């Protein structure tokens, strides 16, 4: 059965996006010269994790509501610590922290490029 193998982040300002994701998650970026556009490979620094890419947004963001998105949720050991880092780095809360009963804690953010990302902390006691 098909499964995700790569993710991409579109950015109006790729340098700003690299700074944000590096500060919040500790990701590393390496410029890749294959595609016909600026492209940065993302190393999440987690063995066996899906790798990604970052590139200039191919078009203007529309005014549709809600935004058209395919959301990636990051698993973290401390949602509160990661949320504080993300807000300090320029994120905005899109959906406040909430319990997924018996599973964990979740929050949705808008990164500085206006992309929706999820942050999740596993916690079987969440209510």
C-alpha atoms as a PDB file:
ATOM      1  CA  UNK A   1       0.000   0.000   0.000  1.00  0.00           C
ATOM      2  CA  UNK A   2       1.411   3.457  -0.824  1.00  0.00           C
ATOM      3  CA  UNK A   3       2.807   5.485   2.068  1.00  0.00           C
ATOM      4  CA  UNK A   4       4.318   8.971   2.333  1.00  0.00           C
ATOM      5  CA  UNK A   5       8.047   8.982   1.570  1.00  0.00           C
ATOM      6  CA  UNK A   6       8.917  12.687   1.335  1.00  0.00           C
ATOM      7  CA  UNK A   7       7.444  15.995   2.488  1.00  0.00           C
ATOM      8  CA  UNK A   8       7.907  19.517   1.155  1.00  0.00           C
ATOM      9  CA  UNK A   9       7.444  22.939   2.673  1.00  0.00           C
ATOM     10  CA  UNK A  10       6.605  25.851   0.382  1.00  0.00           C
ATOM     11  CA  UNK A  11       7.864  29.252   1.499  1.00  0.00           C
ATOM     12  CA  UNK A  12       7.591  32.847   0.374  1.00  0.00           C
ATOM     13  CA  UNK A  13      10.976  33.359   2.065  1.00  0.00           C
ATOM     14  CA  UNK A  14      13.017  30.104   2.129  1.00  0.00           C
ATOM     15  CA  UNK A  15      15.719  31.644   4.361  1.00  0.00           C
ATOM     16  CA  UNK A  16      13.102  32.644   6.940  1.00  0.00           C
ATOM     17  CA  UNK A  17      11.566  29.156   6.792  1.00  0.00           C
ATOM     18  CA  UNK A  18      14.955  27.460   7.257  1.00  0.00           C
ATOM     19  CA  UNK A  19      15.639  29.668  10.269  1.00  0.00           C
ATOM     20  CA  UNK A  20      12.227  28.842  11.799  1.00  0.00           C
ATOM     21  CA  UNK A  21      12.422  25.053  11.350  1.00  0.00           C
ATOM     22  CA  UNK A  22      16.056  24.967  12.429  1.00  0.00           C
ATOM     23  CA  UNK A  23      15.253  26.915  15.614  1.00  0.00           C
ATOM     24  CA  UNK A  24      12.132  24.947  16.532  1.00  0.00           C
ATOM     25  CA  UNK A  25      13.062  21.374  15.546  1.00  0.00           C
ATOM     26  CA  UNK A  26      16.838  21.493  15.076  1.00  0.00           C
ATOM     27  CA  UNK A  27      16.608  20.531  11.410  1.00  0.00           C
ATOM     28  CA  UNK A  28      19.561  20.897   9.048  1.00  0.00           C
ATOM     29  CA  UNK A  29      19.296  22.088   5.424  1.00  0.00           C
ATOM     30  CA  UNK A  30      21.479  21.398   2.411  1.00  0.00           C
ATOM     31  CA  UNK A  31      20.968  23.113  -0.932  1.00  0.00           C
ATOM     32  CA  UNK A  32      20.226  20.678  -3.739  1.00  0.00           C
ATOM     33  CA  UNK A  33      21.092  21.678  -7.286  1.00  0.00           C
ATOM     34  CA  UNK A  34      18.968  19.203  -9.274  1.00  0.00           C
ATOM     35  CA  UNK A  35      15.570  20.887  -9.710  1.00  0.00           C
ATOM     36  CA  UNK A  36      15.086  23.970 -11.899  1.00  0.00           C
ATOM     37  CA  UNK A  37      14.281  26.046  -8.796  1.00  0.00           C
ATOM     38  CA  UNK A  38      15.953  26.775  -5.463  1.00  0.00           C
ATOM     39  CA  UNK A  39      15.570  23.586  -3.407  1.00  0.00           C
ATOM     40  CA  UNK A  40      16.782  22.694   0.081  1.00  0.00           C
ATOM     41  CA  UNK A  41      16.922  19.124   1.376  1.00  0.00           C
ATOM     42  CA  UNK A  42      15.730  18.804   4.971  1.00  0.00           C
ATOM     43  CA  UNK A  43      17.521  16.497   7.372  1.00  0.00           C
ATOM     44  CA  UNK A  44      15.316  16.002  10.436  1.00  0.00           C
ATOM     45  CA  UNK A  45      18.263  14.342  12.190  1.00  0.00           C
ATOM     46  CA  UNK A  46      16.100  11.391  13.217  1.00  0.00           C
ATOM     47  CA  UNK A  47      17.375   8.001  11.990  1.00  0.00           C
ATOM     48  CA  UNK A  48      14.857   6.384   9.674  1.00  0.00           C
ATOM     49  CA  UNK A  49      12.575   9.437   9.582  1.00  0.00           C
ATOM     50  CA  UNK A  50      10.993  10.710   6.389  1.00  0.00           C
ATOM     51  CA  UNK A  51      13.145  13.386   4.771  1.00  0.00           C
ATOM     52  CA  UNK A  52      11.845  16.504   3.131  1.00  0.00           C
ATOM     53  CA  UNK A  53      12.498  19.514   0.988  1.00  0.00           C
ATOM     54  CA  UNK A  54      11.942  23.251   1.166  1.00  0.00           C
ATOM     55  CA  UNK A  55      11.390  25.421  -1.884  1.00  0.00           C
ATOM     56  CA  UNK A  56      10.026  28.808  -2.926  1.00  0.00           C
ATOM     57  CA  UNK A  57       6.218  28.785  -3.027  1.00  0.00           C
ATOM     58  CA  UNK A  58       5.314  28.165  -6.684  1.00  0.00           C
ATOM     59  CA  UNK A  59       2.415  30.618  -6.617  1.00  0.00           C
ATOM     60  CA  UNK A  60       0.735  33.233  -4.480  1.00  0.00           C
ATOM     61  CA  UNK A  61      -1.302  32.160  -1.480  1.00  0.00           C
ATOM     62  CA  UNK A  62      -4.973  32.435  -2.283  1.00  0.00           C
ATOM     63  CA  UNK A  63      -7.664  33.937  -0.142  1.00  0.00           C
ATOM     64  CA  UNK A  64      -9.559  30.676   0.204  1.00  0.00           C
ATOM     65  CA  UNK A  65     -10.750  29.760   3.686  1.00  0.00           C
ATOM     66  CA  UNK A  66      -9.917  27.316   5.070  1.00  0.00           C
ATOM     67  CA  UNK A  67      -6.527  26.984   3.389  1.00  0.00           C
ATOM     68  CA  UNK A  68      -5.903  24.048   1.118  1.00  0.00           C
ATOM     69  CA  UNK A  69      -3.462  21.935   3.097  1.00  0.00           C
ATOM     70  CA  UNK A  70      -1.948  18.530   3.648  1.00  0.00           C
ATOM     71  CA  UNK A  71      -0.837  18.888   7.243  1.00  0.00           C
ATOM     72  CA  UNK A  72       2.256  17.239   8.702  1.00  0.00           C
ATOM     73  CA  UNK A  73       2.242  16.699  12.461  1.00  0.00           C
ATOM     74  CA  UNK A  74       5.544  16.538  14.311  1.00  0.00           C
ATOM     75  CA  UNK A  75       5.886  14.157  17.257  1.00  0.00           C
ATOM     76  CA  UNK A  76       7.709  15.813  20.174  1.00  0.00           C
ATOM     77  CA  UNK A  77       8.618  14.863  23.733  1.00  0.00           C
ATOM     78  CA  UNK A  78       7.299  18.136  25.185  1.00  0.00           C
ATOM     79  CA  UNK A  79       4.490  19.945  23.407  1.00  0.00           C
ATOM     80  CA  UNK A  80       4.710  22.931  25.759  1.00  0.00           C
ATOM     81  CA  UNK A  81       8.469  23.392  25.224  1.00  0.00           C
ATOM     82  CA  UNK A  82       8.162  23.025  21.441  1.00  0.00           C
ATOM     83  CA  UNK A  83       5.176  25.376  21.340  1.00  0.00           C
ATOM     84  CA  UNK A  84       7.167  28.019  23.242  1.00  0.00           C
ATOM     85  CA  UNK A  85      10.074  27.664  20.767  1.00  0.00           C
ATOM     86  CA  UNK A  86       7.709  27.890  17.795  1.00  0.00           C
ATOM     87  CA  UNK A  87       5.969  31.015  19.090  1.00  0.00           C
ATOM     88  CA  UNK A  88       9.316  32.655  19.850  1.00  0.00           C
ATOM     89  CA  UNK A  89      10.441  31.832  16.293  1.00  0.00           C
ATOM     90  CA  UNK A  90       7.386  33.476  14.723  1.00  0.00           C
ATOM     91  CA  UNK A  91       4.606  30.870  14.636  1.00  0.00           C
ATOM     92  CA  UNK A  92       0.982  31.733  15.411  1.00  0.00           C
ATOM     93  CA  UNK A  93      -1.497  29.359  17.052  1.00  0.00           C
ATOM     94  CA  UNK A  94      -4.095  28.203  14.514  1.00  0.00           C
ATOM     95  CA  UNK A  95      -5.860  25.790  16.920  1.00  0.00           C
ATOM     96  CA  UNK A  96      -5.072  25.883  20.637  1.00  0.00           C
ATOM     97  CA  UNK A  97      -3.636  22.894  22.505  1.00  0.00           C
ATOM     98  CA  UNK A  98      -6.229  20.188  23.062  1.00  0.00           C
ATOM     99  CA  UNK A  99      -6.372  16.654  24.434  1.00  0.00           C
ATOM    100  CA  UNK A 100      -6.879  13.685  22.162  1.00  0.00           C
ATOM    101  CA  UNK A 101      -8.311  11.465  24.923  1.00  0.00           C
ATOM    102  CA  UNK A 102      -6.118   8.486  25.712  1.00  0.00           C
ATOM    103  CA  UNK A 103      -3.646   9.411  22.948  1.00  0.00           C
ATOM    104  CA  UNK A 104      -1.944  12.717  23.665  1.00  0.00           C
ATOM    105  CA  UNK A 105      -1.855  16.488  23.226  1.00  0.00           C
ATOM    106  CA  UNK A 106      -2.126  18.350  19.924  1.00  0.00           C
ATOM    107  CA  UNK A 107      -1.790  21.934  18.700  1.00  0.00           C
ATOM    108  CA  UNK A 108      -1.903  23.415  15.193  1.00  0.00           C
ATOM    109  CA  UNK A 109       0.247  26.376  14.194  1.00  0.00           C
ATOM    110  CA  UNK A 110       0.812  28.642  11.234  1.00  0.00           C
ATOM    111  CA  UNK A 111       4.530  28.862  10.516  1.00  0.00           C
ATOM    112  CA  UNK A 112       5.989  32.219   9.366  1.00  0.00           C
ATOM    113  CA  UNK A 113       5.249  31.140   5.774  1.00  0.00           C
ATOM    114  CA  UNK A 114       1.534  30.607   6.584  1.00  0.00           C
ATOM    115  CA  UNK A 115       1.732  26.808   6.369  1.00  0.00           C
ATOM    116  CA  UNK A 116      -0.262  24.769   8.882  1.00  0.00           C
ATOM    117  CA  UNK A 117       1.792  22.339  10.983  1.00  0.00           C
ATOM    118  CA  UNK A 118       0.742  20.086  13.826  1.00  0.00           C
ATOM    119  CA  UNK A 119       2.667  19.340  16.999  1.00  0.00           C
ATOM    120  CA  UNK A 120       1.804  16.219  19.005  1.00  0.00           C
ATOM    121  CA  UNK A 121       2.958  14.803  22.324  1.00  0.00           C
ATOM    122  CA  UNK A 122       1.947  11.237  23.104  1.00  0.00           C
ATOM    123  CA  UNK A 123       0.320  10.931  26.542  1.00  0.00           C
ATOM    124  CA  UNK A 124      -2.118   8.086  27.309  1.00  0.00           C
ATOM    125  CA  UNK A 125      -3.426  10.100  30.296  1.00  0.00           C
ATOM    126  CA  UNK A 126      -4.563  13.064  28.177  1.00  0.00           C
ATOM    127  CA  UNK A 127      -8.203  13.975  28.822  1.00  0.00           C
END
